[in-house]
Structures are given as structure tokens and as C-alpha cells.
Amino acid sequence: LPARKAPGPDGFTAEFLRACWSIIKQDFFDVFQQLFELRGRGLSKLNQALLTLLPKRADACQLRDYRTICLIHLVAKIFAKVLSLRLAPRLGDMVSRNQNAFIPGRSLHDNFVLVKQSMKLLHQLGAPRVMLKLDLTRAFDSLSWPFLFEALGQYGFGPRFREWLAILLSSSSTRIVLGRLISRAHDAGILQRLHPRRDIPAISLYADDVMLFCHATHGDVEAVCAILALFSEASGLRVNYAKSSATTLNGDPEADATIDQVGCAKAGLPITYLGILLTLRRPSAAQLQPLV
């Protein structure tokens, strides 16, 4: 557990846990034994969270200028950490290379390089392509639990591991997989291959930031919109088109007109992706200045 972090409702920090472990360890062992036996009754008292707001900017004055943060009870936090440590060594084999958020050994920069190289290769073809930068609305709050457990089951997670996750989710009192669909659409011929010779990934995911490529044709753009709607219906994750954008590579008037049906703003290069300037050319010193 990280040191010197804000405590949850119990007021205990990681430093307290280390200093007093000889006194409190049996209490933790008893709780973990109950959870191992899938007896989660009463865990709600140890799975509470305080919700507070952190300002995104110095002059924050409206609700959208703040970021929410949950301060979680120490017991629930440790149990979740144990599950994540058991899961971490296997994530690399389970999650495709175009999704890097929270995967050990992978970096945010991998997504940026993937998108930039894909964009350059598609630009060199000289044919129109569409690049969609999608923002998922409240991704971590709106994910459907049945969808989550069904997906875990398909990946081979047993009933005990899923029940542990269910206990954590259902006892919480906080107040207040998309890439495979695209791949199958290409295999079924619903979407055209992006490149005639190279296997260019059509999608890059980092947490709730999604970058997606497709042909600048009415059929492909309509199919992408239908896939996104299907994914939203199944998972509960919805695209926030007001914060999304569409960019045409090697665009022409006809290609520019096709992206109107997406329902998001049009954006020309350069754009910002994962906080880094994304452009076909080498960025100028003035464009890089905000990163310095």
C-alpha cells in the first residue's frame, strides 16, 4: 500500500498497518478467512468510502471543474489489492497489446506510439480514412455488473474469484470490451481492412480513452456507429460524443461529409491524445511548450 496517502472512513493509513501489525494481524486473518469461505455478510461495515472533490484547476468554480476521489476503508482496500496481485501476472496474456492501462510492463506511451504509427501508415496510402477519438461517459460508474461477470467467465475466471469480486462490489456503500467487436467485424467483412498489406490495429484503448480507425465510407462509418451502440447496450458504457472528435486522413469533401453521421465534432491535426500532441509532422517547439 502507498505511504502517506489520505485515509478512508476508518482513518487508518498504511503506516499504521505496518506499525501495529503484530496487534491487528489476527483481526485481518479472521476477515480474510470469512471472505475466502465466501461469507461476506457484514463486510458492508468495512467497505465504506468517503467521496470528496479535488479541483482540476486553480480557479475551479463549477462542479465540472472538480474530480471525484473515493477514500476507501483499509480492509476492503487490502482485500482488493490481494486479488489484483493474483491477477496481475496473467493480465499480459489476457489483454491484447492495443490496451495498456493498468497492465504491468505496459506504458501509456505504447498507445500513443501505436496510434501515431498507424496514422502515418494510413496517411501514406493516400486513401481517405477516419480517425475517431472517443470519450466514454463515466466509464467506471456505468459499467454493467452482469456484463463484467459474464466477460470474466468467458475469460476463464472461476466462480470463487467472481464471487469475491461480487462481495466487494455489492457490499460497497460509496455515495454519490470493445476491441474484439471491431476485430470480428473485420473478419466478417462488415468493416474493410485498413491496409491492404499491413495488419494495422483498428483500435487503441487506454482506460476510458479510445482511438479508432476506419475507412471514410458511409458503410464503414455506419457500421462503427452500430458497433458502438451494441457495445453500449451490452456493457452500459456509452460514448460521450460531445467530448469526442473525428479526424479525416487524406480527406476530401466526400470523406469529410461521411463523418457527419458520427455526431461528434470534426478536428484537424494536430490533436492531443493522452496528453501528448499527435501529428503527422514533427511538432514545433511552440506546440511542445505546454508539455515542458
C-alpha atoms as a PDB file:
ATOM      1  CA  LEU A   1       0.000   0.000   0.000  1.00  0.00           C
ATOM      2  CA  PRO A   2       1.316   3.501  -0.780  1.00  0.00           C
ATOM      3  CA  ALA A   3       2.569   5.547   2.147  1.00  0.00           C
ATOM      4  CA  ARG A   4       1.341   8.950   3.266  1.00  0.00           C
ATOM      5  CA  LYS A   5      -1.987   8.662   1.473  1.00  0.00           C
ATOM      6  CA  ALA A   6      -5.302  10.095   2.653  1.00  0.00           C
ATOM      7  CA  PRO A   7      -7.099   7.600   4.942  1.00  0.00           C
ATOM      8  CA  GLY A   8     -10.585   6.263   4.365  1.00  0.00           C
ATOM      9  CA  PRO A   9     -13.525   6.264   6.792  1.00  0.00           C
ATOM     10  CA  ASP A  10     -11.550   4.244   9.351  1.00  0.00           C
ATOM     11  CA  GLY A  11      -8.804   6.892   9.495  1.00  0.00           C
ATOM     12  CA  PHE A  12      -6.029   4.275   9.249  1.00  0.00           C
ATOM     13  CA  THR A  13      -3.064   4.660   6.903  1.00  0.00           C
ATOM     14  CA  ALA A  14      -0.539   2.146   5.585  1.00  0.00           C
ATOM     15  CA  GLU A  15       1.939   3.376   8.210  1.00  0.00           C
ATOM     16  CA  PHE A  16      -0.493   2.388  10.969  1.00  0.00           C
ATOM     17  CA  LEU A  17      -0.896  -1.068   9.451  1.00  0.00           C
ATOM     18  CA  ARG A  18       2.868  -1.679   9.434  1.00  0.00           C
ATOM     19  CA  ALA A  19       3.496  -0.263  12.911  1.00  0.00           C
ATOM     20  CA  CYS A  20       0.670  -2.176  14.620  1.00  0.00           C
ATOM     21  CA  TRP A  21       0.632  -5.365  12.553  1.00  0.00           C
ATOM     22  CA  SER A  22       1.520  -7.610  15.493  1.00  0.00           C
ATOM     23  CA  ILE A  23      -1.596  -6.376  17.310  1.00  0.00           C
ATOM     24  CA  ILE A  24      -4.149  -6.310  14.475  1.00  0.00           C
ATOM     25  CA  LYS A  25      -2.989  -9.144  12.219  1.00  0.00           C
ATOM     26  CA  GLN A  26      -5.346 -11.742  13.745  1.00  0.00           C
ATOM     27  CA  ASP A  27      -8.323  -9.479  13.047  1.00  0.00           C
ATOM     28  CA  PHE A  28      -7.290  -9.279   9.387  1.00  0.00           C
ATOM     29  CA  PHE A  29      -6.744 -13.038   9.220  1.00  0.00           C
ATOM     30  CA  ASP A  30     -10.256 -13.616  10.563  1.00  0.00           C
ATOM     31  CA  VAL A  31     -11.801 -11.268   7.983  1.00  0.00           C
ATOM     32  CA  PHE A  32      -9.873 -12.859   5.128  1.00  0.00           C
ATOM     33  CA  GLN A  33     -10.889 -16.361   6.266  1.00  0.00           C
ATOM     34  CA  GLN A  34     -14.538 -15.319   6.173  1.00  0.00           C
ATOM     35  CA  LEU A  35     -14.094 -13.876   2.670  1.00  0.00           C
ATOM     36  CA  PHE A  36     -12.218 -16.958   1.468  1.00  0.00           C
ATOM     37  CA  GLU A  37     -15.208 -19.033   2.542  1.00  0.00           C
ATOM     38  CA  LEU A  38     -17.454 -16.625   0.597  1.00  0.00           C
ATOM     39  CA  ARG A  39     -19.169 -15.355   3.729  1.00  0.00           C
ATOM     40  CA  GLY A  40     -19.439 -11.642   3.055  1.00  0.00           C
ATOM     41  CA  ARG A  41     -22.196 -10.785   5.490  1.00  0.00           C
ATOM     42  CA  GLY A  42     -21.240  -7.697   7.478  1.00  0.00           C
ATOM     43  CA  LEU A  43     -18.457  -6.646   5.101  1.00  0.00           C
ATOM     44  CA  SER A  44     -20.511  -3.561   4.228  1.00  0.00           C
ATOM     45  CA  LYS A  45     -19.389  -2.059   7.548  1.00  0.00           C
ATOM     46  CA  LEU A  46     -15.763  -2.455   6.406  1.00  0.00           C
ATOM     47  CA  ASN A  47     -16.355  -1.493   2.782  1.00  0.00           C
ATOM     48  CA  GLN A  48     -17.406   2.113   3.105  1.00  0.00           C
ATOM     49  CA  ALA A  49     -15.884   5.044   1.261  1.00  0.00           C
ATOM     50  CA  LEU A  50     -15.801   8.799   1.601  1.00  0.00           C
ATOM     51  CA  LEU A  51     -16.375  10.760  -1.587  1.00  0.00           C
ATOM     52  CA  THR A  52     -14.630  14.106  -1.893  1.00  0.00           C
ATOM     53  CA  LEU A  53     -13.741  16.525  -4.683  1.00  0.00           C
ATOM     54  CA  LEU A  54     -10.325  17.602  -5.931  1.00  0.00           C
ATOM     55  CA  PRO A  55     -10.057  20.777  -8.052  1.00  0.00           C
ATOM     56  CA  LYS A  56      -8.809  20.227 -11.608  1.00  0.00           C
ATOM     57  CA  ARG A  57      -7.780  23.874 -11.901  1.00  0.00           C
ATOM     58  CA  ALA A  58      -6.778  26.671  -9.573  1.00  0.00           C
ATOM     59  CA  ASP A  59      -9.841  28.799 -10.347  1.00  0.00           C
ATOM     60  CA  ALA A  60     -12.364  25.955 -10.019  1.00  0.00           C
ATOM     61  CA  CYS A  61     -15.848  27.369  -9.530  1.00  0.00           C
ATOM     62  CA  GLN A  62     -18.242  24.866 -11.157  1.00  0.00           C
ATOM     63  CA  LEU A  63     -18.906  21.189 -10.488  1.00  0.00           C
ATOM     64  CA  ARG A  64     -17.234  20.100 -13.747  1.00  0.00           C
ATOM     65  CA  ASP A  65     -14.011  21.772 -12.548  1.00  0.00           C
ATOM     66  CA  TYR A  66     -13.618  19.093  -9.849  1.00  0.00           C
ATOM     67  CA  ARG A  67     -12.544  15.449  -9.964  1.00  0.00           C
ATOM     68  CA  THR A  68     -14.138  12.962  -7.587  1.00  0.00           C
ATOM     69  CA  ILE A  69     -11.985  10.714  -5.401  1.00  0.00           C
ATOM     70  CA  CYS A  70     -13.072   7.847  -3.148  1.00  0.00           C
ATOM     71  CA  LEU A  71     -11.271   7.269   0.147  1.00  0.00           C
ATOM     72  CA  ILE A  72     -11.788   3.570   0.810  1.00  0.00           C
ATOM     73  CA  HIS A  73     -11.798   1.588   4.059  1.00  0.00           C
ATOM     74  CA  LEU A  74      -8.439  -0.079   4.713  1.00  0.00           C
ATOM     75  CA  VAL A  75      -9.784  -3.660   4.969  1.00  0.00           C
ATOM     76  CA  ALA A  76     -11.594  -3.554   1.633  1.00  0.00           C
ATOM     77  CA  LYS A  77      -8.609  -1.857   0.027  1.00  0.00           C
ATOM     78  CA  ILE A  78      -6.235  -4.617   1.169  1.00  0.00           C
ATOM     79  CA  PHE A  79      -8.578  -7.392   0.025  1.00  0.00           C
ATOM     80  CA  ALA A  80      -8.903  -5.754  -3.401  1.00  0.00           C
ATOM     81  CA  LYS A  81      -5.111  -5.410  -3.524  1.00  0.00           C
ATOM     82  CA  VAL A  82      -4.655  -9.118  -2.822  1.00  0.00           C
ATOM     83  CA  LEU A  83      -7.000 -10.010  -5.686  1.00  0.00           C
ATOM     84  CA  SER A  84      -5.230  -7.601  -8.042  1.00  0.00           C
ATOM     85  CA  LEU A  85      -1.821  -9.087  -7.171  1.00  0.00           C
ATOM     86  CA  ARG A  86      -3.118 -12.572  -8.009  1.00  0.00           C
ATOM     87  CA  LEU A  87      -4.499 -11.274 -11.293  1.00  0.00           C
ATOM     88  CA  ALA A  88      -1.563  -9.078 -12.387  1.00  0.00           C
ATOM     89  CA  PRO A  89       0.825 -11.835 -13.636  1.00  0.00           C
ATOM     90  CA  ARG A  90      -1.844 -13.132 -16.024  1.00  0.00           C
ATOM     91  CA  LEU A  91      -3.100  -9.843 -17.442  1.00  0.00           C
ATOM     92  CA  GLY A  92      -0.408  -9.726 -20.133  1.00  0.00           C
ATOM     93  CA  ASP A  93      -1.736 -12.940 -21.704  1.00  0.00           C
ATOM     94  CA  MET A  94      -5.395 -11.973 -21.364  1.00  0.00           C
ATOM     95  CA  VAL A  95      -5.445  -8.378 -22.607  1.00  0.00           C
ATOM     96  CA  SER A  96      -4.459  -7.532 -26.189  1.00  0.00           C
ATOM     97  CA  ARG A  97      -1.475  -5.312 -26.925  1.00  0.00           C
ATOM     98  CA  ASN A  98      -3.644  -2.375 -28.006  1.00  0.00           C
ATOM     99  CA  GLN A  99      -4.923  -1.912 -24.437  1.00  0.00           C
ATOM    100  CA  ASN A 100      -2.294  -0.810 -21.933  1.00  0.00           C
ATOM    101  CA  ALA A 101      -3.973   0.868 -18.965  1.00  0.00           C
ATOM    102  CA  PHE A 102      -3.139  -0.769 -15.607  1.00  0.00           C
ATOM    103  CA  ILE A 103      -1.238  -3.654 -17.236  1.00  0.00           C
ATOM    104  CA  PRO A 104       2.187  -4.340 -15.625  1.00  0.00           C
ATOM    105  CA  GLY A 105       5.040  -3.769 -18.069  1.00  0.00           C
ATOM    106  CA  ARG A 106       2.960  -1.627 -20.428  1.00  0.00           C
ATOM    107  CA  SER A 107       3.009   2.135 -20.756  1.00  0.00           C
ATOM    108  CA  LEU A 108       0.730   4.967 -21.798  1.00  0.00           C
ATOM    109  CA  HIS A 109       3.342   5.808 -24.437  1.00  0.00           C
ATOM    110  CA  ASP A 110       2.754   2.415 -26.099  1.00  0.00           C
ATOM    111  CA  ASN A 111      -0.763   3.540 -27.015  1.00  0.00           C
ATOM    112  CA  PHE A 112       0.493   6.863 -28.334  1.00  0.00           C
ATOM    113  CA  VAL A 113       3.174   5.227 -30.491  1.00  0.00           C
ATOM    114  CA  LEU A 114       0.646   2.645 -31.765  1.00  0.00           C
ATOM    115  CA  VAL A 115      -1.804   5.347 -32.837  1.00  0.00           C
ATOM    116  CA  LYS A 116       0.871   7.568 -34.383  1.00  0.00           C
ATOM    117  CA  GLN A 117       2.440   4.765 -36.420  1.00  0.00           C
ATOM    118  CA  SER A 118      -0.983   3.548 -37.581  1.00  0.00           C
ATOM    119  CA  MET A 119      -1.893   7.091 -38.561  1.00  0.00           C
ATOM    120  CA  LYS A 120       1.326   7.515 -40.586  1.00  0.00           C
ATOM    121  CA  LEU A 121       0.904   4.204 -42.419  1.00  0.00           C
ATOM    122  CA  LEU A 122      -2.689   5.016 -43.329  1.00  0.00           C
ATOM    123  CA  HIS A 123      -1.683   8.520 -44.441  1.00  0.00           C
ATOM    124  CA  GLN A 124       0.969   7.046 -46.762  1.00  0.00           C
ATOM    125  CA  LEU A 125      -1.723   5.032 -48.567  1.00  0.00           C
ATOM    126  CA  GLY A 126      -3.213   8.286 -49.832  1.00  0.00           C
ATOM    127  CA  ALA A 127      -6.782   6.958 -49.467  1.00  0.00           C
ATOM    128  CA  PRO A 128      -9.318   8.557 -47.089  1.00  0.00           C
ATOM    129  CA  ARG A 129      -9.504   7.118 -43.596  1.00  0.00           C
ATOM    130  CA  VAL A 130     -11.342   8.253 -40.454  1.00  0.00           C
ATOM    131  CA  MET A 131      -9.729   8.511 -37.023  1.00  0.00           C
ATOM    132  CA  LEU A 132     -12.241   8.651 -34.159  1.00  0.00           C
ATOM    133  CA  LYS A 133     -11.130   9.891 -30.756  1.00  0.00           C
ATOM    134  CA  LEU A 134     -13.854   8.661 -28.397  1.00  0.00           C
ATOM    135  CA  ASP A 135     -14.577   9.578 -24.799  1.00  0.00           C
ATOM    136  CA  LEU A 136     -16.621   7.108 -22.732  1.00  0.00           C
ATOM    137  CA  THR A 137     -19.178   8.733 -20.444  1.00  0.00           C
ATOM    138  CA  ARG A 138     -18.498   7.994 -16.755  1.00  0.00           C
ATOM    139  CA  ALA A 139     -16.847   4.719 -17.751  1.00  0.00           C
ATOM    140  CA  PHE A 140     -16.062   3.480 -14.251  1.00  0.00           C
ATOM    141  CA  ASP A 141     -19.506   4.386 -12.885  1.00  0.00           C
ATOM    142  CA  SER A 142     -21.724   2.998 -15.642  1.00  0.00           C
ATOM    143  CA  LEU A 143     -20.159  -0.411 -16.385  1.00  0.00           C
ATOM    144  CA  SER A 144     -22.802  -3.126 -16.141  1.00  0.00           C
ATOM    145  CA  TRP A 145     -22.033  -5.680 -13.411  1.00  0.00           C
ATOM    146  CA  PRO A 146     -23.698  -8.615 -15.232  1.00  0.00           C
ATOM    147  CA  PHE A 147     -21.616  -7.733 -18.298  1.00  0.00           C
ATOM    148  CA  LEU A 148     -18.462  -7.654 -16.166  1.00  0.00           C
ATOM    149  CA  PHE A 149     -19.063 -11.092 -14.608  1.00  0.00           C
ATOM    150  CA  GLU A 150     -20.094 -12.622 -17.938  1.00  0.00           C
ATOM    151  CA  ALA A 151     -16.878 -11.318 -19.518  1.00  0.00           C
ATOM    152  CA  LEU A 152     -14.795 -12.713 -16.630  1.00  0.00           C
ATOM    153  CA  GLY A 153     -16.472 -16.077 -17.025  1.00  0.00           C
ATOM    154  CA  GLN A 154     -15.655 -16.115 -20.742  1.00  0.00           C
ATOM    155  CA  TYR A 155     -12.015 -15.431 -19.869  1.00  0.00           C
ATOM    156  CA  GLY A 156     -11.951 -18.489 -17.606  1.00  0.00           C
ATOM    157  CA  PHE A 157     -12.323 -16.940 -14.142  1.00  0.00           C
ATOM    158  CA  GLY A 158     -13.855 -19.441 -11.768  1.00  0.00           C
ATOM    159  CA  PRO A 159     -16.963 -18.894  -9.635  1.00  0.00           C
ATOM    160  CA  ARG A 160     -14.944 -18.319  -6.434  1.00  0.00           C
ATOM    161  CA  PHE A 161     -12.908 -15.422  -7.875  1.00  0.00           C
ATOM    162  CA  ARG A 162     -16.046 -13.866  -9.366  1.00  0.00           C
ATOM    163  CA  GLU A 163     -17.859 -14.258  -6.046  1.00  0.00           C
ATOM    164  CA  TRP A 164     -15.034 -12.410  -4.263  1.00  0.00           C
ATOM    165  CA  LEU A 165     -15.449  -9.542  -6.702  1.00  0.00           C
ATOM    166  CA  ALA A 166     -19.228  -9.656  -6.255  1.00  0.00           C
ATOM    167  CA  ILE A 167     -18.837  -9.392  -2.470  1.00  0.00           C
ATOM    168  CA  LEU A 168     -16.614  -6.334  -2.855  1.00  0.00           C
ATOM    169  CA  LEU A 169     -18.995  -4.642  -5.293  1.00  0.00           C
ATOM    170  CA  SER A 170     -22.276  -5.477  -3.580  1.00  0.00           C
ATOM    171  CA  SER A 171     -21.101  -4.508  -0.080  1.00  0.00           C
ATOM    172  CA  SER A 172     -19.752  -1.102  -1.115  1.00  0.00           C
ATOM    173  CA  SER A 173     -21.603   1.922   0.237  1.00  0.00           C
ATOM    174  CA  THR A 174     -19.941   4.728  -1.730  1.00  0.00           C
ATOM    175  CA  ARG A 175     -22.345   7.550  -2.419  1.00  0.00           C
ATOM    176  CA  ILE A 176     -22.873   9.983  -4.663  1.00  0.00           C
ATOM    177  CA  VAL A 177     -14.558  -4.730 -24.318  1.00  0.00           C
ATOM    178  CA  LEU A 178     -14.783  -3.217 -27.485  1.00  0.00           C
ATOM    179  CA  GLY A 179     -11.657  -4.198 -29.397  1.00  0.00           C
ATOM    180  CA  ARG A 180     -12.912  -7.764 -30.042  1.00  0.00           C
ATOM    181  CA  LEU A 181     -16.118  -6.484 -31.659  1.00  0.00           C
ATOM    182  CA  ILE A 182     -14.087  -4.432 -34.132  1.00  0.00           C
ATOM    183  CA  SER A 183     -11.831  -7.417 -34.888  1.00  0.00           C
ATOM    184  CA  ARG A 184     -14.808  -9.680 -35.570  1.00  0.00           C
ATOM    185  CA  ALA A 185     -16.368  -7.016 -37.791  1.00  0.00           C
ATOM    186  CA  HIS A 186     -13.211  -7.095 -39.940  1.00  0.00           C
ATOM    187  CA  ASP A 187     -13.196 -10.907 -40.057  1.00  0.00           C
ATOM    188  CA  ALA A 188     -16.853 -10.964 -41.098  1.00  0.00           C
ATOM    189  CA  GLY A 189     -16.330  -8.381 -43.824  1.00  0.00           C
ATOM    190  CA  ILE A 190     -18.588  -5.818 -42.122  1.00  0.00           C
ATOM    191  CA  LEU A 191     -15.620  -3.444 -41.915  1.00  0.00           C
ATOM    192  CA  GLN A 192     -12.916  -3.176 -44.570  1.00  0.00           C
ATOM    193  CA  ARG A 193      -9.294  -3.919 -43.727  1.00  0.00           C
ATOM    194  CA  LEU A 194      -7.463  -0.675 -43.020  1.00  0.00           C
ATOM    195  CA  HIS A 195      -4.326  -1.521 -45.007  1.00  0.00           C
ATOM    196  CA  PRO A 196      -4.046  -3.908 -47.973  1.00  0.00           C
ATOM    197  CA  ARG A 197      -0.701  -5.365 -46.846  1.00  0.00           C
ATOM    198  CA  ARG A 198      -0.102  -4.477 -43.178  1.00  0.00           C
ATOM    199  CA  ASP A 199      -2.043  -5.652 -40.139  1.00  0.00           C
ATOM    200  CA  ILE A 200      -2.769  -2.256 -38.574  1.00  0.00           C
ATOM    201  CA  PRO A 201      -4.687  -2.328 -35.262  1.00  0.00           C
ATOM    202  CA  ALA A 202      -8.058  -0.630 -35.726  1.00  0.00           C
ATOM    203  CA  ILE A 203      -8.417   0.368 -32.104  1.00  0.00           C
ATOM    204  CA  SER A 204      -6.308   1.571 -29.171  1.00  0.00           C
ATOM    205  CA  LEU A 205      -7.680   1.701 -25.628  1.00  0.00           C
ATOM    206  CA  TYR A 206      -6.278   3.366 -22.530  1.00  0.00           C
ATOM    207  CA  ALA A 207      -8.777   3.307 -19.646  1.00  0.00           C
ATOM    208  CA  ASP A 208     -11.728   5.377 -20.951  1.00  0.00           C
ATOM    209  CA  ASP A 209      -9.797   6.923 -23.880  1.00  0.00           C
ATOM    210  CA  VAL A 210     -10.462   5.141 -27.173  1.00  0.00           C
ATOM    211  CA  MET A 211      -8.871   5.773 -30.578  1.00  0.00           C
ATOM    212  CA  LEU A 212     -10.476   4.006 -33.529  1.00  0.00           C
ATOM    213  CA  PHE A 213      -9.640   3.911 -37.261  1.00  0.00           C
ATOM    214  CA  CYS A 214     -11.953   3.036 -40.151  1.00  0.00           C
ATOM    215  CA  HIS A 215     -12.466   3.735 -43.858  1.00  0.00           C
ATOM    216  CA  ALA A 216     -14.008   7.079 -44.724  1.00  0.00           C
ATOM    217  CA  THR A 217     -17.050   5.456 -46.357  1.00  0.00           C
ATOM    218  CA  HIS A 218     -20.688   5.654 -45.430  1.00  0.00           C
ATOM    219  CA  GLY A 219     -20.886   1.879 -44.882  1.00  0.00           C
ATOM    220  CA  ASP A 220     -17.883   1.626 -42.556  1.00  0.00           C
ATOM    221  CA  VAL A 221     -18.766   4.696 -40.504  1.00  0.00           C
ATOM    222  CA  GLU A 222     -22.354   3.455 -40.144  1.00  0.00           C
ATOM    223  CA  ALA A 223     -21.065   0.010 -39.074  1.00  0.00           C
ATOM    224  CA  VAL A 224     -18.732   1.558 -36.470  1.00  0.00           C
ATOM    225  CA  CYS A 225     -21.608   3.590 -35.023  1.00  0.00           C
ATOM    226  CA  ALA A 226     -23.764   0.450 -34.846  1.00  0.00           C
ATOM    227  CA  ILE A 227     -20.966  -1.496 -33.108  1.00  0.00           C
ATOM    228  CA  LEU A 228     -20.532   1.288 -30.553  1.00  0.00           C
ATOM    229  CA  ALA A 229     -24.291   1.287 -29.907  1.00  0.00           C
ATOM    230  CA  LEU A 230     -24.276  -2.515 -29.482  1.00  0.00           C
ATOM    231  CA  PHE A 231     -21.333  -2.303 -27.091  1.00  0.00           C
ATOM    232  CA  SER A 232     -23.106   0.409 -25.076  1.00  0.00           C
ATOM    233  CA  GLU A 233     -26.255  -1.691 -24.810  1.00  0.00           C
ATOM    234  CA  ALA A 234     -24.316  -4.724 -23.557  1.00  0.00           C
ATOM    235  CA  SER A 235     -21.829  -3.070 -21.214  1.00  0.00           C
ATOM    236  CA  GLY A 236     -23.510   0.140 -20.050  1.00  0.00           C
ATOM    237  CA  LEU A 237     -20.539   2.175 -21.338  1.00  0.00           C
ATOM    238  CA  ARG A 238     -21.686   4.991 -23.598  1.00  0.00           C
ATOM    239  CA  VAL A 239     -19.686   7.256 -25.868  1.00  0.00           C
ATOM    240  CA  ASN A 240     -19.792  10.921 -24.940  1.00  0.00           C
ATOM    241  CA  TYR A 241     -19.940  12.345 -28.452  1.00  0.00           C
ATOM    242  CA  ALA A 242     -19.857  15.891 -27.096  1.00  0.00           C
ATOM    243  CA  LYS A 243     -16.274  15.262 -25.934  1.00  0.00           C
ATOM    244  CA  SER A 244     -15.282  13.055 -28.884  1.00  0.00           C
ATOM    245  CA  SER A 245     -13.852  14.092 -32.246  1.00  0.00           C
ATOM    246  CA  ALA A 246     -13.408  12.736 -35.774  1.00  0.00           C
ATOM    247  CA  THR A 247     -10.400  13.416 -37.993  1.00  0.00           C
ATOM    248  CA  THR A 248     -10.076  12.521 -41.679  1.00  0.00           C
ATOM    249  CA  LEU A 249      -6.706  11.390 -43.045  1.00  0.00           C
ATOM    250  CA  ASN A 250      -6.179  12.256 -46.729  1.00  0.00           C
ATOM    251  CA  GLY A 251      -9.652  13.731 -46.602  1.00  0.00           C
ATOM    252  CA  ASP A 252     -11.752  15.060 -49.446  1.00  0.00           C
ATOM    253  CA  PRO A 253     -15.209  16.720 -49.396  1.00  0.00           C
ATOM    254  CA  GLU A 254     -16.960  13.356 -49.710  1.00  0.00           C
ATOM    255  CA  ALA A 255     -14.908  11.818 -46.903  1.00  0.00           C
ATOM    256  CA  ASP A 256     -15.471  14.856 -44.687  1.00  0.00           C
ATOM    257  CA  ALA A 257     -19.221  14.505 -45.240  1.00  0.00           C
ATOM    258  CA  THR A 258     -19.267  10.869 -44.112  1.00  0.00           C
ATOM    259  CA  ILE A 259     -18.130  11.673 -40.580  1.00  0.00           C
ATOM    260  CA  ASP A 260     -21.115  13.971 -40.031  1.00  0.00           C
ATOM    261  CA  GLN A 261     -23.174  10.860 -39.250  1.00  0.00           C
ATOM    262  CA  VAL A 262     -20.958  10.065 -36.239  1.00  0.00           C
ATOM    263  CA  GLY A 263     -22.384  13.052 -34.376  1.00  0.00           C
ATOM    264  CA  CYS A 264     -19.158  14.439 -32.925  1.00  0.00           C
ATOM    265  CA  ALA A 265     -17.014  17.453 -33.710  1.00  0.00           C
ATOM    266  CA  LYS A 266     -14.525  17.437 -36.590  1.00  0.00           C
ATOM    267  CA  ALA A 267     -10.911  18.048 -35.648  1.00  0.00           C
ATOM    268  CA  GLY A 268      -7.885  18.637 -37.820  1.00  0.00           C
ATOM    269  CA  LEU A 269      -4.359  17.587 -36.993  1.00  0.00           C
ATOM    270  CA  PRO A 270      -2.593  18.139 -34.691  1.00  0.00           C
ATOM    271  CA  ILE A 271      -4.793  16.838 -31.862  1.00  0.00           C
ATOM    272  CA  THR A 272      -3.989  15.869 -28.277  1.00  0.00           C
ATOM    273  CA  TYR A 273      -4.078  12.181 -27.368  1.00  0.00           C
ATOM    274  CA  LEU A 274      -3.271  11.016 -23.821  1.00  0.00           C
ATOM    275  CA  GLY A 275      -1.897  14.484 -23.114  1.00  0.00           C
ATOM    276  CA  ILE A 276       0.623  14.304 -25.991  1.00  0.00           C
ATOM    277  CA  LEU A 277       0.468  16.176 -29.289  1.00  0.00           C
ATOM    278  CA  LEU A 278      -0.449  13.826 -32.140  1.00  0.00           C
ATOM    279  CA  THR A 279       0.579  14.970 -35.628  1.00  0.00           C
ATOM    280  CA  LEU A 280       1.950  13.570 -38.892  1.00  0.00           C
ATOM    281  CA  ARG A 281       4.805  16.063 -38.877  1.00  0.00           C
ATOM    282  CA  ARG A 282       7.460  16.695 -36.305  1.00  0.00           C
ATOM    283  CA  PRO A 283       5.896  19.014 -33.688  1.00  0.00           C
ATOM    284  CA  SER A 284       7.299  22.510 -33.406  1.00  0.00           C
ATOM    285  CA  ALA A 285       8.892  23.935 -30.266  1.00  0.00           C
ATOM    286  CA  ALA A 286       5.826  26.122 -29.708  1.00  0.00           C
ATOM    287  CA  GLN A 287       3.498  23.114 -29.868  1.00  0.00           C
ATOM    288  CA  LEU A 288       5.634  21.204 -27.332  1.00  0.00           C
ATOM    289  CA  GLN A 289       5.961  24.126 -24.940  1.00  0.00           C
ATOM    290  CA  PRO A 290       2.867  23.192 -22.827  1.00  0.00           C
ATOM    291  CA  LEU A 291       4.487  19.794 -22.092  1.00  0.00           C
ATOM    292  CA  VAL A 292       7.744  21.303 -20.863  1.00  0.00           C
END
